[in-house]
């Protein structure tokens, strides 16, 4: 009889564990579906000397090119196919141009005090892109 009680308790605990695992699994599936269907806005900030010049939602932005100036020098910024880059610059090293399209690391033009970064701080390293 004691053996029957232990067997019954084992069945109940196995059943409870199975139900809990199923709930966790279903919760994970629900979370993934919610994450896939929600809007993923990609806000980008264009800063100069730490001040925001423009905020652009890349998901809604139309293709265009515009110029940002600093002490007579220019950066030509291009938005195309919901991506952003520095297309051309008057700076001597052209590092900002060679960085190509914005991904996880910010685009920085030190001579022109310009940076382009994700507004929500997304980056591969999780570090802030602006340092004083």
N, C-alpha and C. Protein backbone atom coordinates (compact mmCIF):
# COMPACT_ATOMS: atom_id res chain seq x y z
N UNK A 1 0.82 -1.19 0.00
CA UNK A 1 0.00 0.00 0.00
C UNK A 1 0.86 1.26 0.00
N UNK A 2 1.94 1.25 0.77
CA UNK A 2 2.84 2.40 0.80
C UNK A 2 3.46 2.60 -0.57
N UNK A 3 3.69 1.47 -1.27
CA UNK A 3 4.26 1.54 -2.60
C UNK A 3 3.29 2.22 -3.55
N UNK A 4 1.99 1.95 -3.41
CA UNK A 4 0.97 2.56 -4.26
C UNK A 4 0.90 4.06 -4.03
N UNK A 5 1.04 4.51 -2.79
CA UNK A 5 0.99 5.94 -2.47
C UNK A 5 2.19 6.65 -3.10
N UNK A 6 3.39 6.04 -3.00
CA UNK A 6 4.58 6.65 -3.60
C UNK A 6 4.46 6.70 -5.12
N UNK A 7 3.91 5.64 -5.70
CA UNK A 7 3.72 5.62 -7.15
C UNK A 7 2.74 6.70 -7.58
N UNK A 8 1.67 6.86 -6.83
CA UNK A 8 0.67 7.89 -7.14
C UNK A 8 1.27 9.29 -7.00
N UNK A 9 2.09 9.51 -5.96
CA UNK A 9 2.74 10.81 -5.77
C UNK A 9 3.71 11.10 -6.91
N UNK A 10 4.42 10.06 -7.37
CA UNK A 10 5.34 10.21 -8.49
C UNK A 10 4.58 10.61 -9.75
N UNK A 11 3.45 9.99 -9.99
CA UNK A 11 2.63 10.31 -11.17
C UNK A 11 2.16 11.76 -11.12
N UNK A 12 1.69 12.19 -9.93
CA UNK A 12 1.22 13.58 -9.79
C UNK A 12 2.35 14.57 -10.03
N UNK A 13 3.53 14.31 -9.44
CA UNK A 13 4.64 15.23 -9.62
C UNK A 13 5.12 15.24 -11.08
N UNK A 14 5.09 14.07 -11.73
CA UNK A 14 5.46 14.00 -13.15
C UNK A 14 4.44 14.78 -13.98
N UNK A 15 3.16 14.65 -13.67
CA UNK A 15 2.11 15.36 -14.38
C UNK A 15 2.27 16.87 -14.19
N UNK A 16 2.52 17.32 -12.97
CA UNK A 16 2.70 18.75 -12.70
C UNK A 16 3.91 19.29 -13.44
N UNK A 17 4.99 18.53 -13.43
CA UNK A 17 6.20 18.94 -14.15
C UNK A 17 5.93 19.03 -15.65
N UNK A 18 5.22 18.08 -16.21
CA UNK A 18 4.89 18.10 -17.64
C UNK A 18 4.02 19.31 -17.99
N UNK A 19 3.05 19.62 -17.14
CA UNK A 19 2.18 20.77 -17.37
C UNK A 19 2.99 22.07 -17.32
N UNK A 20 3.88 22.19 -16.33
CA UNK A 20 4.73 23.38 -16.21
C UNK A 20 5.64 23.54 -17.43
N UNK A 21 6.23 22.45 -17.89
CA UNK A 21 7.09 22.50 -19.08
C UNK A 21 6.28 22.92 -20.31
N UNK A 22 5.07 22.39 -20.44
CA UNK A 22 4.21 22.76 -21.57
C UNK A 22 3.85 24.24 -21.52
N UNK A 23 3.56 24.77 -20.33
CA UNK A 23 3.23 26.19 -20.19
C UNK A 23 4.43 27.07 -20.54
N UNK A 24 5.61 26.69 -20.09
CA UNK A 24 6.81 27.45 -20.42
C UNK A 24 7.05 27.41 -21.93
N UNK A 25 6.90 26.26 -22.55
CA UNK A 25 7.08 26.11 -23.98
C UNK A 25 6.08 26.98 -24.75
N UNK A 26 4.81 26.91 -24.37
CA UNK A 26 3.78 27.70 -25.05
C UNK A 26 4.00 29.20 -24.83
N UNK A 27 4.46 29.57 -23.63
CA UNK A 27 4.78 30.97 -23.37
C UNK A 27 5.92 31.46 -24.26
N UNK A 28 6.92 30.62 -24.45
CA UNK A 28 8.03 30.96 -25.33
C UNK A 28 7.58 31.13 -26.77
N UNK A 29 6.74 30.24 -27.24
CA UNK A 29 6.20 30.34 -28.61
C UNK A 29 5.38 31.63 -28.74
N UNK A 30 4.55 31.92 -27.75
CA UNK A 30 3.75 33.15 -27.77
C UNK A 30 4.62 34.39 -27.78
N UNK A 31 5.69 34.39 -26.98
CA UNK A 31 6.61 35.53 -26.96
C UNK A 31 7.31 35.72 -28.29
N UNK A 32 7.72 34.63 -28.91
CA UNK A 32 8.37 34.73 -30.23
C UNK A 32 7.41 35.29 -31.26
N UNK A 33 6.18 34.82 -31.27
CA UNK A 33 5.19 35.32 -32.23
C UNK A 33 4.90 36.80 -32.00
N UNK A 34 4.79 37.21 -30.75
CA UNK A 34 4.55 38.61 -30.44
C UNK A 34 5.72 39.46 -30.93
N UNK A 35 6.95 39.00 -30.70
CA UNK A 35 8.13 39.74 -31.11
C UNK A 35 8.23 39.84 -32.63
N UNK A 36 7.85 38.79 -33.33
CA UNK A 36 7.92 38.81 -34.80
C UNK A 36 6.86 39.71 -35.42
N UNK A 37 5.71 39.85 -34.78
CA UNK A 37 4.62 40.61 -35.38
C UNK A 37 4.58 42.07 -34.96
N UNK A 38 5.32 42.44 -33.90
CA UNK A 38 5.27 43.84 -33.48
C UNK A 38 6.14 44.70 -34.38
N UNK A 39 5.91 45.97 -34.38
CA UNK A 39 6.66 46.92 -35.19
C UNK A 39 8.07 47.09 -34.64
N UNK A 40 9.05 46.98 -35.51
CA UNK A 40 10.44 47.18 -35.13
C UNK A 40 10.92 48.49 -35.72
N UNK A 41 10.64 49.58 -35.04
CA UNK A 41 11.09 50.87 -35.53
C UNK A 41 12.58 50.99 -35.33
N UNK A 42 13.24 51.52 -36.33
CA UNK A 42 14.67 51.72 -36.25
C UNK A 42 14.94 53.21 -36.32
N UNK A 43 14.95 53.84 -35.16
CA UNK A 43 15.21 55.27 -35.07
C UNK A 43 16.71 55.52 -35.11
N UNK A 44 17.12 56.44 -35.95
CA UNK A 44 18.53 56.80 -36.08
C UNK A 44 18.67 58.27 -35.75
N UNK A 45 19.72 58.61 -35.01
CA UNK A 45 20.01 60.00 -34.69
C UNK A 45 21.27 60.42 -35.44
N UNK A 46 21.21 61.62 -36.00
CA UNK A 46 22.38 62.23 -36.61
C UNK A 46 22.78 63.37 -35.68
N UNK A 47 23.98 63.25 -35.11
CA UNK A 47 24.44 64.20 -34.09
C UNK A 47 25.68 64.96 -34.57
N UNK A 48 25.78 66.19 -34.10
CA UNK A 48 26.99 66.97 -34.32
C UNK A 48 27.34 67.67 -33.02
N UNK A 49 28.54 67.46 -32.55
CA UNK A 49 28.97 67.96 -31.24
C UNK A 49 28.02 67.51 -30.12
N UNK A 50 27.49 66.29 -30.24
CA UNK A 50 26.61 65.74 -29.22
C UNK A 50 25.18 66.24 -29.26
N UNK A 51 24.86 67.13 -30.19
CA UNK A 51 23.49 67.66 -30.33
C UNK A 51 22.79 66.96 -31.49
N UNK A 52 21.55 66.56 -31.26
CA UNK A 52 20.79 65.87 -32.29
C UNK A 52 20.38 66.86 -33.37
N UNK A 53 20.83 66.61 -34.61
CA UNK A 53 20.41 67.43 -35.75
C UNK A 53 19.14 66.87 -36.38
N UNK A 54 19.12 65.55 -36.54
CA UNK A 54 17.98 64.87 -37.17
C UNK A 54 17.73 63.56 -36.46
N UNK A 55 16.47 63.17 -36.42
CA UNK A 55 16.07 61.83 -36.02
C UNK A 55 15.30 61.24 -37.18
N UNK A 56 15.69 60.04 -37.61
CA UNK A 56 15.11 59.43 -38.80
C UNK A 56 14.62 58.04 -38.44
N UNK A 57 13.39 57.72 -38.84
CA UNK A 57 12.86 56.36 -38.71
C UNK A 57 13.17 55.65 -40.03
N UNK A 58 14.16 54.79 -40.02
CA UNK A 58 14.58 54.13 -41.26
C UNK A 58 13.49 53.26 -41.88
N UNK A 59 12.60 52.73 -41.06
CA UNK A 59 11.52 51.90 -41.60
C UNK A 59 10.53 52.71 -42.44
N UNK A 60 10.44 54.01 -42.17
CA UNK A 60 9.48 54.86 -42.89
C UNK A 60 10.15 55.87 -43.82
N UNK A 61 11.46 55.96 -43.75
CA UNK A 61 12.18 56.99 -44.50
C UNK A 61 12.18 56.69 -46.00
N UNK A 62 11.99 57.74 -46.77
CA UNK A 62 12.07 57.63 -48.22
C UNK A 62 13.51 57.85 -48.65
N UNK A 63 13.86 57.34 -49.81
CA UNK A 63 15.21 57.52 -50.32
C UNK A 63 15.48 59.00 -50.55
N UNK A 64 16.62 59.49 -50.03
CA UNK A 64 17.00 60.88 -50.22
C UNK A 64 18.46 61.07 -49.83
N UNK A 65 19.00 62.21 -50.22
CA UNK A 65 20.34 62.59 -49.87
C UNK A 65 20.30 64.02 -49.35
N UNK A 66 21.05 64.30 -48.28
CA UNK A 66 21.11 65.66 -47.75
C UNK A 66 22.50 65.91 -47.20
N UNK A 67 22.80 67.18 -46.97
CA UNK A 67 24.14 67.59 -46.56
C UNK A 67 24.13 68.20 -45.17
N UNK A 68 25.12 67.84 -44.38
CA UNK A 68 25.35 68.43 -43.07
C UNK A 68 26.70 69.13 -43.13
N UNK A 69 26.75 70.39 -42.69
CA UNK A 69 28.00 71.15 -42.77
C UNK A 69 28.58 71.40 -41.38
N UNK A 70 29.91 71.56 -41.35
CA UNK A 70 30.62 71.91 -40.11
C UNK A 70 31.85 72.72 -40.50
N UNK A 71 31.88 73.97 -40.09
CA UNK A 71 32.99 74.88 -40.36
C UNK A 71 33.44 74.84 -41.82
N UNK A 72 32.47 74.89 -42.72
CA UNK A 72 32.76 74.92 -44.15
C UNK A 72 32.96 73.56 -44.80
N UNK A 73 33.06 72.49 -44.01
CA UNK A 73 33.20 71.15 -44.56
C UNK A 73 31.85 70.45 -44.55
N UNK A 74 31.67 69.48 -45.43
CA UNK A 74 30.35 68.85 -45.56
C UNK A 74 30.43 67.32 -45.46
N UNK A 75 29.33 66.76 -45.03
CA UNK A 75 29.08 65.32 -45.09
C UNK A 75 27.78 65.14 -45.87
N UNK A 76 27.83 64.36 -46.93
CA UNK A 76 26.63 64.05 -47.70
C UNK A 76 26.08 62.72 -47.17
N UNK A 77 24.88 62.77 -46.63
CA UNK A 77 24.26 61.60 -46.01
C UNK A 77 23.19 61.05 -46.95
N UNK A 78 23.23 59.75 -47.15
CA UNK A 78 22.29 59.09 -48.05
C UNK A 78 21.41 58.11 -47.29
N UNK A 79 20.11 58.17 -47.56
CA UNK A 79 19.16 57.18 -47.07
C UNK A 79 18.62 56.47 -48.30
N UNK A 80 18.81 55.15 -48.33
CA UNK A 80 18.34 54.37 -49.48
C UNK A 80 17.97 52.98 -49.00
N UNK A 81 16.83 52.49 -49.47
CA UNK A 81 16.34 51.16 -49.10
C UNK A 81 16.32 50.95 -47.58
N UNK A 82 15.90 51.98 -46.86
CA UNK A 82 15.75 51.94 -45.40
C UNK A 82 17.08 51.72 -44.68
N UNK A 83 18.17 52.21 -45.29
CA UNK A 83 19.49 52.18 -44.69
C UNK A 83 20.07 53.58 -44.78
N UNK A 84 21.11 53.86 -43.99
CA UNK A 84 21.72 55.18 -43.97
C UNK A 84 23.24 55.06 -43.97
N UNK A 85 23.90 56.02 -44.64
CA UNK A 85 25.35 56.04 -44.69
C UNK A 85 25.83 57.45 -45.00
N UNK A 86 27.14 57.67 -44.82
CA UNK A 86 27.77 58.90 -45.28
C UNK A 86 28.29 58.57 -46.68
N UNK A 87 27.69 59.21 -47.67
CA UNK A 87 28.03 58.92 -49.07
C UNK A 87 29.32 59.62 -49.48
N UNK A 88 29.51 60.85 -49.02
CA UNK A 88 30.70 61.63 -49.35
C UNK A 88 30.99 62.59 -48.21
N UNK A 89 32.27 62.98 -48.08
CA UNK A 89 32.66 63.89 -47.01
C UNK A 89 33.88 64.70 -47.42
N UNK A 90 33.99 65.90 -46.87
CA UNK A 90 35.14 66.76 -47.10
C UNK A 90 36.28 66.49 -46.13
N UNK A 91 36.14 65.53 -45.26
CA UNK A 91 37.18 65.26 -44.27
C UNK A 91 38.37 64.57 -44.95
N UNK A 92 39.56 64.74 -44.40
CA UNK A 92 40.75 64.21 -45.06
C UNK A 92 40.87 62.68 -45.04
N UNK A 93 40.40 62.01 -44.00
CA UNK A 93 40.63 60.57 -43.90
C UNK A 93 39.55 59.68 -44.53
N UNK A 94 38.33 60.20 -44.72
CA UNK A 94 37.23 59.47 -45.37
C UNK A 94 36.80 58.20 -44.63
N UNK A 95 37.14 58.10 -43.35
CA UNK A 95 36.76 56.91 -42.58
C UNK A 95 35.25 56.75 -42.54
N UNK A 96 34.53 57.86 -42.36
CA UNK A 96 33.07 57.80 -42.28
C UNK A 96 32.45 57.28 -43.58
N UNK A 97 33.06 57.59 -44.70
CA UNK A 97 32.56 57.11 -46.00
C UNK A 97 32.83 55.61 -46.12
N UNK A 98 34.01 55.18 -45.69
CA UNK A 98 34.39 53.76 -45.80
C UNK A 98 33.63 52.86 -44.82
N UNK A 99 32.99 53.45 -43.82
CA UNK A 99 32.21 52.64 -42.87
C UNK A 99 30.95 52.08 -43.53
N UNK A 100 30.57 52.64 -44.66
CA UNK A 100 29.43 52.19 -45.47
C UNK A 100 28.12 52.33 -44.69
N UNK A 101 27.19 51.41 -44.86
CA UNK A 101 25.85 51.52 -44.27
C UNK A 101 25.91 51.27 -42.78
N UNK A 102 25.07 52.00 -42.03
CA UNK A 102 25.00 51.85 -40.58
C UNK A 102 24.52 50.45 -40.23
N UNK A 103 25.28 49.79 -39.36
CA UNK A 103 24.87 48.49 -38.85
C UNK A 103 24.79 48.58 -37.34
N UNK A 104 25.69 47.94 -36.63
CA UNK A 104 25.61 48.00 -35.17
C UNK A 104 26.48 49.10 -34.59
N UNK A 105 27.64 49.33 -35.16
CA UNK A 105 28.53 50.39 -34.65
C UNK A 105 28.15 51.72 -35.31
N UNK A 106 28.27 52.81 -34.59
CA UNK A 106 27.91 54.11 -35.17
C UNK A 106 28.89 54.53 -36.26
N UNK A 107 28.41 55.36 -37.16
CA UNK A 107 29.27 55.98 -38.17
C UNK A 107 29.76 57.29 -37.56
N UNK A 108 31.07 57.51 -37.58
CA UNK A 108 31.64 58.69 -36.94
C UNK A 108 32.58 59.40 -37.91
N UNK A 109 32.44 60.73 -37.98
CA UNK A 109 33.36 61.58 -38.72
C UNK A 109 33.95 62.56 -37.71
N UNK A 110 35.13 62.23 -37.19
CA UNK A 110 35.74 63.06 -36.15
C UNK A 110 36.08 64.47 -36.63
N UNK A 111 36.66 64.65 -37.84
CA UNK A 111 36.99 66.02 -38.26
C UNK A 111 35.76 66.94 -38.34
N UNK A 112 34.60 66.38 -38.71
CA UNK A 112 33.38 67.18 -38.85
C UNK A 112 32.46 67.05 -37.64
N UNK A 113 32.93 66.39 -36.58
CA UNK A 113 32.18 66.26 -35.32
C UNK A 113 30.80 65.64 -35.53
N UNK A 114 30.69 64.69 -36.43
CA UNK A 114 29.41 64.09 -36.82
C UNK A 114 29.38 62.63 -36.42
N UNK A 115 28.22 62.17 -35.95
CA UNK A 115 28.00 60.74 -35.72
C UNK A 115 26.58 60.37 -36.09
N UNK A 116 26.42 59.16 -36.57
CA UNK A 116 25.11 58.60 -36.92
C UNK A 116 25.00 57.31 -36.14
N UNK A 117 23.94 57.19 -35.33
CA UNK A 117 23.79 56.02 -34.46
C UNK A 117 22.33 55.70 -34.25
N UNK A 118 22.07 54.48 -33.80
CA UNK A 118 20.70 54.10 -33.45
C UNK A 118 20.29 54.84 -32.20
N UNK A 119 19.07 55.37 -32.19
CA UNK A 119 18.58 56.20 -31.09
C UNK A 119 18.37 55.41 -29.81
N UNK A 120 18.03 54.14 -29.93
CA UNK A 120 17.76 53.35 -28.72
C UNK A 120 19.01 52.71 -28.15
N UNK A 121 20.16 53.09 -28.66
CA UNK A 121 21.41 52.59 -28.11
C UNK A 121 21.78 51.20 -28.56
N UNK A 122 21.12 50.67 -29.59
CA UNK A 122 21.47 49.34 -30.08
C UNK A 122 22.89 49.37 -30.62
N UNK A 123 23.68 48.46 -30.19
CA UNK A 123 25.01 48.28 -30.75
C UNK A 123 25.48 46.89 -30.40
N UNK A 124 26.45 46.44 -31.13
CA UNK A 124 26.95 45.09 -30.89
C UNK A 124 27.58 44.97 -29.52
N UNK A 125 28.24 46.03 -29.07
CA UNK A 125 28.93 45.96 -27.79
C UNK A 125 28.08 46.44 -26.63
N UNK A 126 27.02 47.20 -26.93
CA UNK A 126 26.20 47.76 -25.87
C UNK A 126 26.80 49.02 -25.29
N UNK A 127 27.91 49.53 -25.87
CA UNK A 127 28.55 50.73 -25.37
C UNK A 127 27.95 51.96 -26.00
N UNK A 128 28.00 53.07 -25.29
CA UNK A 128 27.52 54.34 -25.80
C UNK A 128 28.49 54.83 -26.87
N UNK A 129 27.95 55.45 -27.93
CA UNK A 129 28.78 55.87 -29.04
C UNK A 129 29.37 57.24 -28.84
N UNK A 130 28.85 58.05 -27.93
CA UNK A 130 29.33 59.39 -27.74
C UNK A 130 30.13 59.47 -26.46
N UNK A 131 31.33 59.99 -26.56
CA UNK A 131 32.16 60.15 -25.36
C UNK A 131 32.73 61.57 -25.37
N UNK A 132 32.80 62.20 -24.23
CA UNK A 132 33.34 63.55 -24.14
C UNK A 132 34.65 63.54 -23.42
